[in-house]
N, C-alpha and C. Protein backbone atom coordinates (compact mmCIF):
# COMPACT_ATOMS: atom_id res chain seq x y z
N MET A 1 0.82 -1.20 0.00
CA MET A 1 0.00 0.00 0.00
C MET A 1 0.86 1.26 0.00
N ILE A 2 1.95 1.22 0.76
CA ILE A 2 2.84 2.38 0.82
C ILE A 2 3.51 2.63 -0.53
N THR A 3 3.72 1.54 -1.30
CA THR A 3 4.32 1.68 -2.62
C THR A 3 3.40 2.46 -3.55
N LEU A 4 2.12 2.16 -3.51
CA LEU A 4 1.16 2.88 -4.34
C LEU A 4 1.08 4.35 -3.95
N LEU A 5 1.15 4.62 -2.68
CA LEU A 5 1.14 6.00 -2.21
C LEU A 5 2.37 6.74 -2.71
N PHE A 6 3.52 6.09 -2.64
CA PHE A 6 4.76 6.70 -3.12
C PHE A 6 4.68 6.99 -4.62
N ILE A 7 4.15 6.05 -5.40
CA ILE A 7 4.01 6.25 -6.84
C ILE A 7 3.06 7.39 -7.14
N PHE A 8 1.95 7.47 -6.41
CA PHE A 8 0.99 8.55 -6.60
C PHE A 8 1.61 9.91 -6.30
N VAL A 9 2.32 10.01 -5.19
CA VAL A 9 2.95 11.28 -4.81
C VAL A 9 4.03 11.65 -5.82
N ALA A 10 4.81 10.69 -6.26
CA ALA A 10 5.86 10.96 -7.25
C ALA A 10 5.25 11.44 -8.56
N ALA A 11 4.17 10.82 -9.00
CA ALA A 11 3.51 11.24 -10.24
C ALA A 11 2.94 12.65 -10.11
N CYS A 12 2.38 12.97 -8.97
CA CYS A 12 1.87 14.33 -8.73
C CYS A 12 2.99 15.36 -8.77
N LEU A 13 4.10 15.04 -8.13
CA LEU A 13 5.23 15.98 -8.11
C LEU A 13 5.85 16.15 -9.50
N ILE A 14 5.95 15.08 -10.25
CA ILE A 14 6.48 15.18 -11.61
C ILE A 14 5.55 16.03 -12.48
N SER A 15 4.26 15.81 -12.36
CA SER A 15 3.29 16.60 -13.11
C SER A 15 3.36 18.07 -12.71
N LEU A 16 3.48 18.32 -11.43
CA LEU A 16 3.57 19.69 -10.93
C LEU A 16 4.83 20.38 -11.44
N ALA A 17 5.93 19.65 -11.54
CA ALA A 17 7.19 20.23 -12.00
C ALA A 17 7.21 20.41 -13.52
N LEU A 18 6.63 19.48 -14.25
CA LEU A 18 6.71 19.52 -15.71
C LEU A 18 5.72 20.48 -16.36
N THR A 19 4.60 20.73 -15.73
CA THR A 19 3.57 21.56 -16.35
C THR A 19 4.07 22.97 -16.70
N PRO A 20 4.73 23.71 -15.80
CA PRO A 20 5.24 25.03 -16.18
C PRO A 20 6.32 24.95 -17.26
N ALA A 21 7.15 23.91 -17.22
CA ALA A 21 8.21 23.77 -18.22
C ALA A 21 7.61 23.51 -19.60
N VAL A 22 6.61 22.66 -19.67
CA VAL A 22 5.95 22.38 -20.95
C VAL A 22 5.22 23.61 -21.46
N ARG A 23 4.65 24.37 -20.56
CA ARG A 23 3.96 25.61 -20.96
C ARG A 23 4.94 26.60 -21.58
N GLN A 24 6.08 26.78 -20.93
CA GLN A 24 7.09 27.69 -21.46
C GLN A 24 7.62 27.21 -22.81
N LEU A 25 7.81 25.90 -22.94
CA LEU A 25 8.27 25.34 -24.21
C LEU A 25 7.25 25.58 -25.31
N ALA A 26 5.98 25.40 -25.00
CA ALA A 26 4.93 25.63 -26.00
C ALA A 26 4.89 27.09 -26.42
N LEU A 27 5.05 28.00 -25.48
CA LEU A 27 5.06 29.42 -25.84
C LEU A 27 6.29 29.77 -26.66
N TYR A 28 7.43 29.19 -26.32
CA TYR A 28 8.67 29.45 -27.05
C TYR A 28 8.60 28.92 -28.48
N LEU A 29 8.05 27.72 -28.65
CA LEU A 29 7.96 27.10 -29.97
C LEU A 29 6.70 27.52 -30.73
N ASP A 30 5.90 28.38 -30.12
CA ASP A 30 4.65 28.88 -30.69
C ASP A 30 3.67 27.75 -31.00
N LEU A 31 3.60 26.79 -30.10
CA LEU A 31 2.62 25.70 -30.20
C LEU A 31 1.39 26.10 -29.39
N THR A 32 0.74 27.15 -29.86
CA THR A 32 -0.36 27.73 -29.11
C THR A 32 -1.61 27.84 -29.97
N ASP A 33 -2.73 27.99 -29.31
CA ASP A 33 -4.00 28.26 -29.97
C ASP A 33 -4.19 29.77 -29.96
N LYS A 34 -4.27 30.34 -31.15
CA LYS A 34 -4.38 31.80 -31.26
C LYS A 34 -5.83 32.24 -31.04
N PRO A 35 -6.02 33.38 -30.39
CA PRO A 35 -7.38 33.89 -30.21
C PRO A 35 -7.97 34.36 -31.54
N SER A 36 -9.26 34.21 -31.67
CA SER A 36 -9.98 34.71 -32.85
C SER A 36 -11.42 35.02 -32.43
N ALA A 37 -12.20 35.46 -33.37
CA ALA A 37 -13.58 35.84 -33.06
C ALA A 37 -14.42 34.63 -32.63
N ARG A 38 -14.06 33.44 -33.09
CA ARG A 38 -14.83 32.23 -32.78
C ARG A 38 -14.45 31.61 -31.45
N LYS A 39 -13.40 32.09 -30.81
CA LYS A 39 -12.89 31.46 -29.59
C LYS A 39 -13.12 32.36 -28.38
N MET A 40 -13.20 31.74 -27.22
CA MET A 40 -13.51 32.49 -26.00
C MET A 40 -12.29 33.15 -25.39
N HIS A 41 -11.09 32.59 -25.60
CA HIS A 41 -9.91 33.13 -24.94
C HIS A 41 -9.39 34.36 -25.69
N SER A 42 -8.69 35.21 -24.94
CA SER A 42 -8.20 36.46 -25.53
C SER A 42 -6.68 36.52 -25.58
N ARG A 43 -6.01 35.43 -25.24
CA ARG A 43 -4.55 35.37 -25.34
C ARG A 43 -4.15 33.99 -25.83
N LYS A 44 -2.87 33.83 -26.15
CA LYS A 44 -2.39 32.54 -26.63
C LYS A 44 -2.50 31.49 -25.54
N ILE A 45 -2.99 30.32 -25.90
CA ILE A 45 -3.14 29.20 -24.97
C ILE A 45 -2.27 28.05 -25.47
N PRO A 46 -1.34 27.55 -24.63
CA PRO A 46 -0.51 26.42 -25.06
C PRO A 46 -1.36 25.18 -25.35
N ARG A 47 -0.98 24.46 -26.41
CA ARG A 47 -1.77 23.31 -26.84
C ARG A 47 -1.19 21.98 -26.40
N ILE A 48 0.00 21.94 -25.82
CA ILE A 48 0.64 20.66 -25.49
C ILE A 48 0.72 20.43 -23.98
N GLY A 49 -0.23 20.96 -23.25
CA GLY A 49 -0.21 20.80 -21.79
C GLY A 49 -0.38 19.37 -21.33
N GLY A 50 -0.99 18.54 -22.15
CA GLY A 50 -1.18 17.15 -21.78
C GLY A 50 0.10 16.34 -21.75
N VAL A 51 1.16 16.86 -22.33
CA VAL A 51 2.44 16.14 -22.35
C VAL A 51 2.96 15.92 -20.93
N ALA A 52 2.83 16.90 -20.08
CA ALA A 52 3.29 16.77 -18.69
C ALA A 52 2.49 15.70 -17.95
N LEU A 53 1.19 15.68 -18.17
CA LEU A 53 0.35 14.66 -17.53
C LEU A 53 0.65 13.28 -18.09
N PHE A 54 0.89 13.20 -19.38
CA PHE A 54 1.23 11.93 -20.01
C PHE A 54 2.53 11.37 -19.43
N CYS A 55 3.53 12.22 -19.27
CA CYS A 55 4.82 11.78 -18.71
C CYS A 55 4.67 11.31 -17.27
N SER A 56 3.90 12.01 -16.48
CA SER A 56 3.73 11.60 -15.09
C SER A 56 2.88 10.33 -14.97
N PHE A 57 1.96 10.13 -15.91
CA PHE A 57 1.14 8.92 -15.89
C PHE A 57 1.97 7.67 -16.16
N PHE A 58 2.94 7.78 -17.06
CA PHE A 58 3.77 6.63 -17.41
C PHE A 58 5.03 6.56 -16.58
N LEU A 59 4.96 6.99 -15.35
CA LEU A 59 6.07 6.92 -14.41
C LEU A 59 6.48 5.52 -14.19
């Protein structure tokens, strides 16, 4: 049981650490969703945020 708890905490910490890094990378590489009249957001939104969650899931 303690092993599962350790894996869960490690995955959470990896996700927490990777999310800002992936966001900065997406903004730097311009992998963003641009605002337009059809969209609700008014600034660039990174499109590869799931990469951090994917990496932490496959810990």
